[in-house]
Amino acid sequence: MSHQIALLPPVAGSKQVYLKLRDRASYEFALASAAVVVTIAGGKVTRARIALGGVGTKPWRSPEAEAVLIGKTAGAANFRNAAEMAMRNAKPQSENKFKIELAKRCLAHALQMAATS
């Protein structure tokens, strides 16, 4: 059975980035990944969509992290705050605690990439 998904076109002026962090370039699966779509006007974030992958059983969207960014200056400190919010309820397993910080850095970097592209 095939499934089709229709996506709306990106919002005018938005920037999109997908960042996938892997242990080695040859590995298919991400240790952490972030997909971000941001719209910035006058140096401030007016719209944000954030999804994370590689750190849970399935990818998930973080409306909480998105909300932290709206109306804020597009900069490293606010991107890190959004990353902290996205991972605030993370509960690591015994061998993967490192993924929490990795996911935070991945998301903050993806947001920075989108803001400067």
Protein backbone atom coordinates (compact mmCIF):
# COMPACT_ATOMS: atom_id res chain seq x y z
CA MET A 1 0.00 0.00 0.00
CA SER A 2 1.43 3.38 -0.93
CA HIS A 3 0.69 6.56 0.95
CA GLN A 4 0.86 10.06 -0.42
CA ILE A 5 1.41 13.18 1.60
CA ALA A 6 0.71 16.63 0.20
CA LEU A 7 2.69 19.48 1.70
CA LEU A 8 1.86 23.15 1.39
CA PRO A 9 4.53 25.30 -0.26
CA PRO A 10 6.93 27.00 2.15
CA VAL A 11 5.89 30.35 3.58
CA ALA A 12 7.40 33.20 1.57
CA GLY A 13 10.68 34.33 3.11
CA SER A 14 11.13 31.20 5.22
CA LYS A 15 14.39 29.28 5.44
CA GLN A 16 14.59 25.53 5.86
CA VAL A 17 17.43 23.35 7.16
CA TYR A 18 17.74 19.65 7.89
CA LEU A 19 20.81 18.70 9.90
CA LYS A 20 21.70 15.05 10.53
CA LEU A 21 24.52 14.12 12.90
CA ARG A 22 26.00 10.65 12.48
CA ASP A 23 28.83 8.79 14.12
CA ARG A 24 30.48 8.24 10.74
CA ALA A 25 29.54 9.42 7.26
CA SER A 26 28.87 5.83 6.23
CA TYR A 27 26.21 5.27 8.91
CA GLU A 28 22.66 5.70 7.68
CA PHE A 29 20.94 6.46 10.98
CA ALA A 30 21.25 9.77 12.80
CA LEU A 31 22.48 10.06 16.36
CA ALA A 32 20.47 13.29 16.32
CA SER A 33 18.74 15.32 13.64
CA ALA A 34 16.83 18.58 13.42
CA ALA A 35 14.52 19.90 10.75
CA VAL A 36 13.72 23.58 11.07
CA VAL A 37 11.71 26.12 9.12
CA VAL A 38 11.99 29.71 10.31
CA THR A 39 10.80 33.06 9.06
CA ILE A 40 12.77 36.07 10.26
CA ALA A 41 11.75 39.68 9.78
CA GLY A 42 13.60 42.65 11.20
CA GLY A 43 16.02 40.30 12.94
CA LYS A 44 13.22 38.59 14.89
CA VAL A 45 11.69 35.15 14.46
CA THR A 46 8.10 35.53 13.26
CA ARG A 47 7.39 31.85 12.56
CA ALA A 48 9.14 28.59 13.50
CA ARG A 49 8.59 24.89 12.95
CA ILE A 50 10.93 22.43 14.63
CA ALA A 51 11.17 18.65 14.45
CA LEU A 52 13.77 16.41 16.07
CA GLY A 53 14.86 12.90 15.19
CA GLY A 54 17.38 10.26 16.16
CA VAL A 55 16.88 10.73 19.90
CA GLY A 56 13.58 8.96 20.48
CA THR A 57 11.60 6.09 19.07
CA LYS A 58 10.22 8.37 16.35
CA PRO A 59 10.71 11.95 15.15
CA TRP A 60 8.63 14.58 16.89
CA ARG A 61 7.69 18.21 16.54
CA SER A 62 8.38 20.65 19.38
CA PRO A 63 5.72 23.37 19.56
CA GLU A 64 7.20 24.42 22.92
CA ALA A 65 10.57 25.20 21.31
CA GLU A 66 8.80 26.99 18.47
CA ALA A 67 6.88 29.19 20.91
CA VAL A 68 10.09 30.18 22.73
CA LEU A 69 11.44 31.66 19.49
CA ILE A 70 8.47 33.70 18.30
CA GLY A 71 9.14 37.42 18.65
CA LYS A 72 12.70 36.86 19.82
CA THR A 73 15.92 38.00 18.16
CA ALA A 74 17.35 35.40 15.80
CA GLY A 75 20.55 34.66 17.70
CA ALA A 76 22.60 31.98 19.42
CA ALA A 77 21.24 32.55 22.94
CA ASN A 78 17.61 32.28 21.85
CA PHE A 79 18.38 29.27 19.66
CA ARG A 80 19.98 27.55 22.66
CA ASN A 81 16.92 28.42 24.80
CA ALA A 82 14.68 26.79 22.19
CA ALA A 83 16.91 23.69 22.22
CA GLU A 84 16.73 23.52 26.01
CA MET A 85 12.93 23.73 25.81
CA ALA A 86 12.77 21.02 23.15
CA MET A 87 14.71 18.57 25.33
CA ARG A 88 13.45 19.61 28.78
CA ASN A 89 11.50 16.39 29.36
CA ALA A 90 14.05 14.03 27.81
CA LYS A 91 14.61 10.84 29.79
CA PRO A 92 17.77 9.08 28.65
CA GLN A 93 18.41 5.36 28.80
CA SER A 94 21.53 4.07 30.52
CA GLU A 95 23.75 4.24 27.43
CA ASN A 96 22.48 7.30 25.56
CA LYS A 97 22.53 10.27 27.94
CA PHE A 98 24.99 12.00 25.57
CA LYS A 99 22.20 12.29 22.98
CA ILE A 100 20.39 14.97 24.97
CA GLU A 101 23.23 17.47 24.69
CA LEU A 102 23.92 16.33 21.12
CA ALA A 103 20.28 17.01 20.15
CA LYS A 104 20.40 20.46 21.78
CA ARG A 105 23.53 21.38 19.84
CA CYS A 106 22.11 19.94 16.64
CA LEU A 107 18.94 22.01 16.93
CA ALA A 108 20.73 25.23 17.90
CA HIS A 109 23.13 24.79 14.97
CA ALA A 110 20.31 24.06 12.50
CA LEU A 111 18.51 27.22 13.64
CA GLN A 112 21.71 29.24 13.22
CA MET A 113 22.22 27.78 9.74
CA ALA A 114 18.67 28.72 8.74
CA ALA A 115 19.01 32.23 10.16
CA THR A 116 22.20 32.92 8.25
CA SER A 117 21.34 31.28 4.92
